[in-house]
Amino acid sequence: MKNTPFKVLFLCTGNSARSILAEAILRKEGGDRFQSFSAGSQPKGEVHPFALDLLAREGHDLTPLRSKSWDEFGQAAGDDLDFIFTVCDSAGAEVCPVWPGRPLSTHWGIPDPAAADGTEAEQRLAFAKAYQTLHARILALIALPDLSIDRQSLKNQFQQIAQI
């Protein structure tokens, strides 16, 4: 495994909520040690407005965020990805493309806040819960002292983080 910055791709089906939240959180919290990206297998084409509102309130830069296909990260663009995290159950179960360079892939599924029913307040609460879960997991990722250890040990650590 290489030295930093580690390139991390968060995948979800629609790339409108969870993967966008994760991309923004790692971009803000990861400093120079990480480069953060997100994509979807069937992107919605726009970021969910509740995700954008929440990220703005939390002080994230919204400029680089957009809903995009995982095809943008295939072939040469995916050559230098280090880690891929699927953050929704459907993306975790899909057959992912073969990523060049064999990035380490782990599933960090959480409920889809965009699918939450109820009042607007209840829907926004679902986004806040997703954000809190992803934030805790990403802080745990950032806190790992050595991301250049053997792949199996690193995979085990990533799977432990998924329990947060």
Protein backbone atom coordinates (compact mmCIF):
# COMPACT_ATOMS: atom_id res chain seq x y z
CA MET A 1 0.00 0.00 0.00
CA LYS A 2 1.21 3.50 -0.77
CA ASN A 3 1.75 6.51 1.40
CA THR A 4 -0.88 9.22 1.68
CA PRO A 5 -3.03 10.65 0.40
CA PHE A 6 -5.25 7.60 0.36
CA LYS A 7 -7.98 7.81 -2.27
CA VAL A 8 -11.37 6.70 -0.95
CA LEU A 9 -14.54 6.11 -2.97
CA PHE A 10 -17.93 5.85 -1.27
CA LEU A 11 -20.54 3.98 -3.31
CA CYS A 12 -24.30 3.94 -3.13
CA THR A 13 -26.96 3.22 -5.70
CA GLY A 14 -28.31 6.75 -6.22
CA ASN A 15 -25.32 8.83 -5.07
CA SER A 16 -27.68 11.44 -3.69
CA ALA A 17 -27.49 11.05 0.10
CA ARG A 18 -25.32 8.55 2.04
CA SER A 19 -22.32 8.41 -0.27
CA ILE A 20 -22.43 12.19 -0.70
CA LEU A 21 -22.51 12.65 3.09
CA ALA A 22 -19.53 10.31 3.48
CA GLU A 23 -17.55 12.05 0.73
CA ALA A 24 -18.08 15.44 2.37
CA ILE A 25 -17.28 14.20 5.88
CA LEU A 26 -13.99 12.57 4.85
CA ARG A 27 -13.04 15.58 2.73
CA LYS A 28 -13.48 17.86 5.77
CA GLU A 29 -12.09 15.57 8.49
CA GLY A 30 -9.40 13.66 6.60
CA GLY A 31 -7.08 16.55 5.90
CA ASP A 32 -4.17 15.92 3.56
CA ARG A 33 -4.14 12.22 4.42
CA PHE A 34 -7.19 11.39 2.26
CA GLN A 35 -8.87 12.28 -1.01
CA SER A 36 -12.59 11.60 -0.96
CA PHE A 37 -14.99 10.73 -3.78
CA SER A 38 -18.48 9.28 -4.17
CA ALA A 39 -20.47 7.68 -6.96
CA GLY A 40 -23.51 5.54 -7.65
CA SER A 41 -24.41 2.55 -9.77
CA GLN A 42 -27.63 4.32 -10.83
CA PRO A 43 -27.04 7.96 -9.93
CA LYS A 44 -30.08 10.17 -9.36
CA GLY A 45 -28.37 13.07 -11.11
CA GLU A 46 -28.83 15.43 -8.18
CA VAL A 47 -27.92 15.55 -4.52
CA HIS A 48 -30.87 15.30 -2.14
CA PRO A 49 -31.72 18.78 -0.80
CA PHE A 50 -31.85 17.55 2.81
CA ALA A 51 -28.29 16.22 2.43
CA LEU A 52 -27.13 19.59 1.10
CA ASP A 53 -28.91 21.48 3.89
CA LEU A 54 -27.37 19.28 6.57
CA LEU A 55 -23.88 19.49 5.10
CA ALA A 56 -24.13 23.28 4.84
CA ARG A 57 -25.21 23.51 8.49
CA GLU A 58 -22.23 21.33 9.47
CA GLY A 59 -19.81 23.62 7.62
CA HIS A 60 -18.96 21.42 4.65
CA ASP A 61 -17.92 22.74 1.26
CA LEU A 62 -20.75 21.88 -1.14
CA THR A 63 -18.89 22.97 -4.28
CA PRO A 64 -17.40 19.58 -5.31
CA LEU A 65 -20.54 17.56 -4.53
CA ARG A 66 -22.56 16.13 -7.41
CA SER A 67 -24.39 12.90 -8.17
CA LYS A 68 -22.30 10.84 -10.60
CA SER A 69 -21.87 7.34 -11.95
CA TRP A 70 -19.28 4.89 -10.75
CA ASP A 71 -18.29 4.66 -14.44
CA GLU A 72 -16.26 7.83 -13.87
CA PHE A 73 -13.95 5.79 -11.68
CA GLY A 74 -13.41 2.85 -14.02
CA GLN A 75 -10.30 2.10 -16.02
CA ALA A 76 -7.53 4.69 -15.65
CA ALA A 77 -9.50 6.91 -13.23
CA GLY A 78 -9.85 4.01 -10.80
CA ASP A 79 -6.23 2.93 -11.02
CA ASP A 80 -5.15 4.69 -7.90
CA LEU A 81 -8.16 4.17 -5.62
CA ASP A 82 -7.08 2.68 -2.31
CA PHE A 83 -10.37 1.99 -0.54
CA ILE A 84 -14.00 1.60 -1.57
CA PHE A 85 -16.83 1.65 0.96
CA THR A 86 -20.36 0.72 -0.06
CA VAL A 87 -22.76 2.58 2.20
CA CYS A 88 -26.12 1.19 1.10
CA ASP A 89 -27.33 -2.37 1.09
CA SER A 90 -28.28 -2.48 -2.57
CA ALA A 91 -24.85 -1.24 -3.67
CA GLY A 92 -23.23 -3.72 -1.31
CA ALA A 93 -25.12 -6.56 -3.00
CA GLU A 94 -24.58 -5.37 -6.58
CA VAL A 95 -21.89 -6.75 -8.77
CA CYS A 96 -19.37 -3.94 -8.75
CA PRO A 97 -17.11 -3.20 -11.66
CA VAL A 98 -13.64 -4.66 -11.62
CA TRP A 99 -11.60 -1.82 -10.21
CA PRO A 100 -8.09 -1.37 -11.57
CA GLY A 101 -5.41 -1.57 -8.92
CA ARG A 102 -7.58 -3.78 -6.67
CA PRO A 103 -8.66 -1.25 -4.03
CA LEU A 104 -9.72 -2.73 -0.71
CA SER A 105 -13.53 -2.83 -0.61
CA THR A 106 -15.71 -2.98 2.52
CA HIS A 107 -19.45 -2.66 3.15
CA TRP A 108 -20.58 0.02 5.62
CA GLY A 109 -24.34 -0.14 5.02
CA ILE A 110 -26.74 2.22 6.76
CA PRO A 111 -30.47 2.89 6.27
CA ASP A 112 -31.37 5.21 3.40
CA PRO A 113 -32.44 8.59 4.79
CA ALA A 114 -33.93 9.53 1.41
CA ALA A 115 -36.41 6.67 1.83
CA ALA A 116 -37.59 7.83 5.25
CA ASP A 117 -41.33 8.34 5.65
CA GLY A 118 -43.10 10.79 7.90
CA THR A 119 -43.02 14.50 8.43
CA GLU A 120 -40.26 16.70 7.10
CA ALA A 121 -38.79 16.79 10.61
CA GLU A 122 -38.72 12.97 10.73
CA GLN A 123 -37.11 12.80 7.31
CA ARG A 124 -34.46 15.34 8.31
CA LEU A 125 -33.84 13.31 11.47
CA ALA A 126 -33.10 10.28 9.27
CA PHE A 127 -30.46 12.35 7.46
CA ALA A 128 -28.99 13.49 10.78
CA LYS A 129 -28.75 9.88 11.98
CA ALA A 130 -27.06 8.80 8.75
CA TYR A 131 -24.64 11.70 9.06
CA GLN A 132 -23.83 10.83 12.69
CA THR A 133 -23.18 7.17 11.86
CA LEU A 134 -20.98 8.01 8.89
CA HIS A 135 -19.15 10.69 10.85
CA ALA A 136 -18.34 8.24 13.66
CA ARG A 137 -17.13 5.59 11.21
CA ILE A 138 -15.01 8.05 9.27
CA LEU A 139 -13.44 9.40 12.47
CA ALA A 140 -12.58 5.78 13.36
CA LEU A 141 -11.05 5.30 9.90
CA ILE A 142 -8.99 8.46 10.24
CA ALA A 143 -7.82 7.36 13.70
CA LEU A 144 -6.32 4.11 12.40
CA PRO A 145 -2.59 4.53 12.91
CA ASP A 146 -1.38 2.47 9.95
CA LEU A 147 -3.36 2.08 6.74
CA SER A 148 -0.44 0.42 5.01
CA ILE A 149 -0.65 -2.87 6.94
CA ASP A 150 -1.53 -6.13 5.19
CA ARG A 151 -4.86 -6.20 3.35
CA GLN A 152 -6.56 -8.80 5.54
CA SER A 153 -5.75 -6.99 8.78
CA LEU A 154 -6.94 -3.74 7.29
CA LYS A 155 -10.13 -5.38 6.00
CA ASN A 156 -10.80 -6.73 9.52
CA GLN A 157 -10.37 -3.24 10.98
CA PHE A 158 -12.72 -1.75 8.36
CA GLN A 159 -15.32 -4.40 9.17
CA GLN A 160 -15.05 -3.59 12.87
CA ILE A 161 -15.65 0.07 12.06
CA ALA A 162 -18.80 -0.98 10.19
CA GLN A 163 -20.28 -2.02 13.55
CA ILE A 164 -20.20 1.56 14.83
